[in-house]
Amino acid sequence: MDTIHAIRVEEVRDKVEDKHFYVVYIEINETIKIIGKSKSKPQLIRYISEVY
């Protein structure tokens, strides 16, 4: 089973190229993988599941 250390959203404001976007990435098994880039701010939602 994989170990997920963090899921992050980074806001990028590139003033040199006049760009503004968000990068979503995951740190899994000590490796960082970019999930995607977005012009709009992603909505962050947390769910908790309980199994009985």
N, C-alpha and C. Protein backbone atom coordinates (compact mmCIF):
# COMPACT_ATOMS: atom_id res chain seq x y z
N MET A 1 0.85 -1.18 0.00
CA MET A 1 0.00 0.00 0.00
C MET A 1 0.89 1.24 0.00
N ASP A 2 0.49 2.25 -0.78
CA ASP A 2 1.25 3.49 -0.87
C ASP A 2 1.11 4.32 0.41
N THR A 3 2.11 5.18 0.65
CA THR A 3 2.07 6.12 1.76
C THR A 3 1.96 7.53 1.19
N ILE A 4 0.83 8.18 1.44
CA ILE A 4 0.62 9.55 0.97
C ILE A 4 1.00 10.49 2.11
N HIS A 5 2.01 11.32 1.85
CA HIS A 5 2.49 12.26 2.87
C HIS A 5 1.74 13.59 2.81
N ALA A 6 1.39 14.04 1.59
CA ALA A 6 0.72 15.33 1.46
C ALA A 6 0.06 15.46 0.09
N ILE A 7 -1.04 16.17 0.06
CA ILE A 7 -1.67 16.62 -1.18
C ILE A 7 -1.73 18.14 -1.06
N ARG A 8 -1.14 18.85 -2.02
CA ARG A 8 -1.01 20.30 -1.89
C ARG A 8 -1.51 21.04 -3.11
N VAL A 9 -1.96 22.26 -2.87
CA VAL A 9 -2.35 23.18 -3.94
C VAL A 9 -1.44 24.40 -3.80
N GLU A 10 -0.72 24.70 -4.86
CA GLU A 10 0.20 25.82 -4.85
C GLU A 10 -0.29 26.88 -5.82
N GLU A 11 -0.40 28.11 -5.35
CA GLU A 11 -0.80 29.23 -6.21
C GLU A 11 0.47 29.83 -6.82
N VAL A 12 0.49 29.95 -8.15
CA VAL A 12 1.66 30.47 -8.85
C VAL A 12 1.29 31.80 -9.48
N ARG A 13 2.06 32.83 -9.16
CA ARG A 13 1.89 34.17 -9.76
C ARG A 13 3.19 34.50 -10.48
N ASP A 14 3.23 34.24 -11.77
CA ASP A 14 4.41 34.48 -12.59
C ASP A 14 4.32 35.89 -13.16
N LYS A 15 5.05 36.81 -12.57
CA LYS A 15 4.98 38.20 -13.00
C LYS A 15 5.83 38.44 -14.25
N VAL A 16 6.80 37.57 -14.51
CA VAL A 16 7.63 37.71 -15.71
C VAL A 16 6.81 37.41 -16.96
N GLU A 17 6.06 36.30 -16.94
CA GLU A 17 5.25 35.91 -18.09
C GLU A 17 3.78 36.30 -17.93
N ASP A 18 3.46 37.02 -16.86
CA ASP A 18 2.11 37.51 -16.56
C ASP A 18 1.09 36.36 -16.57
N LYS A 19 1.38 35.33 -15.76
CA LYS A 19 0.48 34.17 -15.64
C LYS A 19 0.11 33.95 -14.18
N HIS A 20 -1.10 33.45 -13.98
CA HIS A 20 -1.59 33.13 -12.64
C HIS A 20 -2.34 31.81 -12.73
N PHE A 21 -1.88 30.79 -11.98
CA PHE A 21 -2.52 29.48 -12.02
C PHE A 21 -2.24 28.72 -10.73
N TYR A 22 -2.87 27.58 -10.60
CA TYR A 22 -2.72 26.72 -9.43
C TYR A 22 -2.16 25.37 -9.87
N VAL A 23 -1.27 24.81 -9.06
CA VAL A 23 -0.71 23.49 -9.33
C VAL A 23 -1.12 22.58 -8.18
N VAL A 24 -1.70 21.42 -8.52
CA VAL A 24 -2.09 20.42 -7.53
C VAL A 24 -1.12 19.26 -7.64
N TYR A 25 -0.48 18.92 -6.51
CA TYR A 25 0.46 17.81 -6.55
C TYR A 25 0.36 16.97 -5.31
N ILE A 26 0.91 15.75 -5.40
CA ILE A 26 0.83 14.78 -4.32
C ILE A 26 2.23 14.27 -4.00
N GLU A 27 2.51 14.10 -2.73
CA GLU A 27 3.76 13.49 -2.30
C GLU A 27 3.42 12.07 -1.85
N ILE A 28 3.84 11.09 -2.66
CA ILE A 28 3.49 9.70 -2.40
C ILE A 28 4.76 8.85 -2.47
N ASN A 29 4.97 8.07 -1.44
CA ASN A 29 6.17 7.22 -1.36
C ASN A 29 7.45 8.01 -1.59
N GLU A 30 7.54 9.19 -0.99
CA GLU A 30 8.70 10.08 -1.09
C GLU A 30 8.96 10.58 -2.51
N THR A 31 7.93 10.56 -3.37
CA THR A 31 8.01 11.07 -4.73
C THR A 31 6.91 12.10 -4.92
N ILE A 32 7.23 13.22 -5.57
CA ILE A 32 6.24 14.26 -5.83
C ILE A 32 5.75 14.11 -7.26
N LYS A 33 4.41 14.04 -7.42
CA LYS A 33 3.80 13.91 -8.73
C LYS A 33 2.81 15.05 -8.92
N ILE A 34 2.88 15.74 -10.06
CA ILE A 34 1.92 16.79 -10.37
C ILE A 34 0.64 16.15 -10.88
N ILE A 35 -0.47 16.48 -10.22
CA ILE A 35 -1.77 15.95 -10.63
C ILE A 35 -2.33 16.79 -11.77
N GLY A 36 -2.16 18.11 -11.68
CA GLY A 36 -2.67 18.97 -12.74
C GLY A 36 -2.44 20.44 -12.45
N LYS A 37 -2.76 21.27 -13.45
CA LYS A 37 -2.68 22.72 -13.34
C LYS A 37 -4.05 23.29 -13.68
N SER A 38 -4.42 24.40 -13.04
CA SER A 38 -5.75 24.97 -13.24
C SER A 38 -5.68 26.49 -13.23
N LYS A 39 -6.48 27.12 -14.10
CA LYS A 39 -6.59 28.59 -14.07
C LYS A 39 -7.51 29.05 -12.96
N SER A 40 -8.47 28.19 -12.57
CA SER A 40 -9.40 28.54 -11.49
C SER A 40 -8.95 27.86 -10.19
N LYS A 41 -9.29 28.49 -9.07
CA LYS A 41 -8.89 27.98 -7.76
C LYS A 41 -9.67 26.69 -7.46
N PRO A 42 -8.96 25.59 -7.19
CA PRO A 42 -9.65 24.34 -6.86
C PRO A 42 -10.37 24.43 -5.51
N GLN A 43 -11.50 23.77 -5.42
CA GLN A 43 -12.25 23.71 -4.17
C GLN A 43 -11.68 22.58 -3.33
N LEU A 44 -11.32 22.88 -2.10
CA LEU A 44 -10.75 21.88 -1.21
C LEU A 44 -11.85 21.31 -0.32
N ILE A 45 -12.02 20.00 -0.36
CA ILE A 45 -13.07 19.33 0.39
C ILE A 45 -12.46 18.18 1.17
N ARG A 46 -12.88 18.02 2.41
CA ARG A 46 -12.41 16.92 3.24
C ARG A 46 -13.59 16.04 3.60
N TYR A 47 -13.44 14.75 3.35
CA TYR A 47 -14.47 13.77 3.71
C TYR A 47 -13.90 12.81 4.73
N ILE A 48 -14.74 12.36 5.65
CA ILE A 48 -14.37 11.34 6.61
C ILE A 48 -15.35 10.17 6.45
N SER A 49 -14.81 9.00 6.18
CA SER A 49 -15.64 7.81 6.03
C SER A 49 -15.42 6.89 7.22
N GLU A 50 -16.50 6.41 7.78
CA GLU A 50 -16.43 5.47 8.88
C GLU A 50 -17.04 4.16 8.43
N VAL A 51 -16.32 3.08 8.63
CA VAL A 51 -16.81 1.76 8.24
C VAL A 51 -17.13 1.00 9.50
N TYR A 52 -18.34 0.45 9.55
CA TYR A 52 -18.78 -0.29 10.73
C TYR A 52 -18.88 -1.76 10.41
